[in-house]
Amino acid sequence: MVDFIDVNKQEYGIEPICRVLPIAPLTYHRTKDLEECPDKRSLRSQHDDFYISEIKRIWQVSKWRYGACKVWQQMKADGLRVASYIV
């Protein structure tokens, strides 16, 4: 929805578009602010992004062969503190 608002805000304005769509103008502005300054995001969100990048890196290094269990084991071997893997 934010992309749609960006494309059409010059023609219609942000608030009128938000009135029609199920999104508050504050939500739009907050989303744009977080895009410009990712350090304002929650610590949990920043940690999630870090772990996602590590999972992708391990999976790509394994040439897309590792499943969840082996990725988890590799993360532990790399010294990353992660929750236990449940089968």
C-alpha atoms as a PDB file:
ATOM      1  CA  MET A   1       0.000   0.000   0.000  1.00  0.00           C
ATOM      2  CA  VAL A   2       2.857   2.367   0.739  1.00  0.00           C
ATOM      3  CA  ASP A   3       4.172   1.937  -2.805  1.00  0.00           C
ATOM      4  CA  PHE A   4       0.718   2.701  -4.193  1.00  0.00           C
ATOM      5  CA  ILE A   5       0.528   5.860  -2.101  1.00  0.00           C
ATOM      6  CA  ASP A   6       4.005   6.915  -3.252  1.00  0.00           C
ATOM      7  CA  VAL A   7       3.009   6.548  -6.888  1.00  0.00           C
ATOM      8  CA  ASN A   8      -0.276   8.460  -6.536  1.00  0.00           C
ATOM      9  CA  LYS A   9       0.393  11.015  -3.792  1.00  0.00           C
ATOM     10  CA  GLN A  10       1.212  13.839  -6.228  1.00  0.00           C
ATOM     11  CA  GLU A  11      -2.135  13.483  -7.959  1.00  0.00           C
ATOM     12  CA  TYR A  12      -4.443  12.750  -5.009  1.00  0.00           C
ATOM     13  CA  GLY A  13      -2.528  13.521  -1.803  1.00  0.00           C
ATOM     14  CA  ILE A  14      -1.634  11.168   1.033  1.00  0.00           C
ATOM     15  CA  GLU A  15      -4.591  11.767   3.353  1.00  0.00           C
ATOM     16  CA  PRO A  16      -7.338  11.286   0.716  1.00  0.00           C
ATOM     17  CA  ILE A  17      -5.730   8.023  -0.434  1.00  0.00           C
ATOM     18  CA  CYS A  18      -5.479   6.833   3.166  1.00  0.00           C
ATOM     19  CA  ARG A  19      -9.164   7.612   3.728  1.00  0.00           C
ATOM     20  CA  VAL A  20     -10.092   5.288   0.859  1.00  0.00           C
ATOM     21  CA  LEU A  21      -7.563   2.570   1.710  1.00  0.00           C
ATOM     22  CA  PRO A  22      -7.567   0.843   5.093  1.00  0.00           C
ATOM     23  CA  ILE A  23      -4.387   2.618   6.276  1.00  0.00           C
ATOM     24  CA  ALA A  24      -3.892   5.524   8.652  1.00  0.00           C
ATOM     25  CA  PRO A  25      -1.778   8.446   7.431  1.00  0.00           C
ATOM     26  CA  LEU A  26       0.416   8.042  10.522  1.00  0.00           C
ATOM     27  CA  THR A  27       1.144   4.452   9.482  1.00  0.00           C
ATOM     28  CA  TYR A  28       2.262   5.630   6.049  1.00  0.00           C
ATOM     29  CA  HIS A  29       4.511   8.340   7.498  1.00  0.00           C
ATOM     30  CA  ARG A  30       5.989   5.962  10.105  1.00  0.00           C
ATOM     31  CA  THR A  31       6.757   3.378   7.409  1.00  0.00           C
ATOM     32  CA  LYS A  32       8.514   5.976   5.262  1.00  0.00           C
ATOM     33  CA  ASP A  33      10.474   7.220   8.294  1.00  0.00           C
ATOM     34  CA  LEU A  34      11.660   3.690   9.108  1.00  0.00           C
ATOM     35  CA  GLU A  35      12.715   3.155   5.486  1.00  0.00           C
ATOM     36  CA  GLU A  36      14.860   6.289   5.604  1.00  0.00           C
ATOM     37  CA  CYS A  37      16.354   5.579   9.041  1.00  0.00           C
ATOM     38  CA  PRO A  38      16.412   1.827   9.834  1.00  0.00           C
ATOM     39  CA  ASP A  39      18.126   2.483  13.183  1.00  0.00           C
ATOM     40  CA  LYS A  40      14.770   3.685  14.535  1.00  0.00           C
ATOM     41  CA  ARG A  41      13.312   0.195  14.139  1.00  0.00           C
ATOM     42  CA  SER A  42      12.851  -1.961  17.211  1.00  0.00           C
ATOM     43  CA  LEU A  43      15.813  -3.937  18.478  1.00  0.00           C
ATOM     44  CA  ARG A  44      13.863  -7.146  17.801  1.00  0.00           C
ATOM     45  CA  SER A  45      13.346  -6.175  14.168  1.00  0.00           C
ATOM     46  CA  GLN A  46      17.038  -5.362  13.762  1.00  0.00           C
ATOM     47  CA  HIS A  47      18.021  -8.708  15.306  1.00  0.00           C
ATOM     48  CA  ASP A  48      15.567 -10.531  13.038  1.00  0.00           C
ATOM     49  CA  ASP A  49      17.172  -8.944   9.978  1.00  0.00           C
ATOM     50  CA  PHE A  50      20.618 -10.015  11.188  1.00  0.00           C
ATOM     51  CA  TYR A  51      19.549 -13.618  11.766  1.00  0.00           C
ATOM     52  CA  ILE A  52      17.725 -13.777   8.434  1.00  0.00           C
ATOM     53  CA  SER A  53      20.877 -12.649   6.644  1.00  0.00           C
ATOM     54  CA  GLU A  54      22.950 -15.246   8.532  1.00  0.00           C
ATOM     55  CA  ILE A  55      20.488 -18.031   7.695  1.00  0.00           C
ATOM     56  CA  LYS A  56      20.572 -17.058   4.011  1.00  0.00           C
ATOM     57  CA  ARG A  57      24.371 -16.877   4.044  1.00  0.00           C
ATOM     58  CA  ILE A  58      24.737 -20.345   5.590  1.00  0.00           C
ATOM     59  CA  TRP A  59      22.172 -21.792   3.216  1.00  0.00           C
ATOM     60  CA  GLN A  60      23.929 -20.306   0.169  1.00  0.00           C
ATOM     61  CA  VAL A  61      27.380 -21.417   1.351  1.00  0.00           C
ATOM     62  CA  SER A  62      25.978 -24.947   1.618  1.00  0.00           C
ATOM     63  CA  LYS A  63      24.894 -24.617  -2.029  1.00  0.00           C
ATOM     64  CA  TRP A  64      21.228 -24.752  -0.962  1.00  0.00           C
ATOM     65  CA  ARG A  65      21.579 -28.256   0.516  1.00  0.00           C
ATOM     66  CA  TYR A  66      21.186 -27.558   4.242  1.00  0.00           C
ATOM     67  CA  GLY A  67      17.800 -27.859   5.844  1.00  0.00           C
ATOM     68  CA  ALA A  68      16.650 -26.112   8.986  1.00  0.00           C
ATOM     69  CA  CYS A  69      18.433 -28.506  11.337  1.00  0.00           C
ATOM     70  CA  LYS A  70      21.838 -28.177   9.677  1.00  0.00           C
ATOM     71  CA  VAL A  71      21.493 -24.409   9.355  1.00  0.00           C
ATOM     72  CA  TRP A  72      20.727 -24.283  13.098  1.00  0.00           C
ATOM     73  CA  GLN A  73      23.748 -26.472  13.872  1.00  0.00           C
ATOM     74  CA  GLN A  74      25.983 -24.262  11.722  1.00  0.00           C
ATOM     75  CA  MET A  75      24.724 -21.131  13.454  1.00  0.00           C
ATOM     76  CA  LYS A  76      25.598 -22.673  16.819  1.00  0.00           C
ATOM     77  CA  ALA A  77      29.019 -23.689  15.485  1.00  0.00           C
ATOM     78  CA  ASP A  78      29.565 -20.090  14.310  1.00  0.00           C
ATOM     79  CA  GLY A  79      28.921 -18.912  17.865  1.00  0.00           C
ATOM     80  CA  LEU A  80      25.490 -17.407  17.293  1.00  0.00           C
ATOM     81  CA  ARG A  81      23.090 -17.727  20.188  1.00  0.00           C
ATOM     82  CA  VAL A  82      19.904 -19.178  18.769  1.00  0.00           C
ATOM     83  CA  ALA A  83      16.883 -20.890  20.232  1.00  0.00           C
ATOM     84  CA  SER A  84      16.739 -24.660  20.200  1.00  0.00           C
ATOM     85  CA  TYR A  85      15.630 -26.420  17.044  1.00  0.00           C
ATOM     86  CA  ILE A  86      12.491 -28.526  17.435  1.00  0.00           C
ATOM     87  CA  VAL A  87      11.768 -31.223  14.871  1.00  0.00           C
END
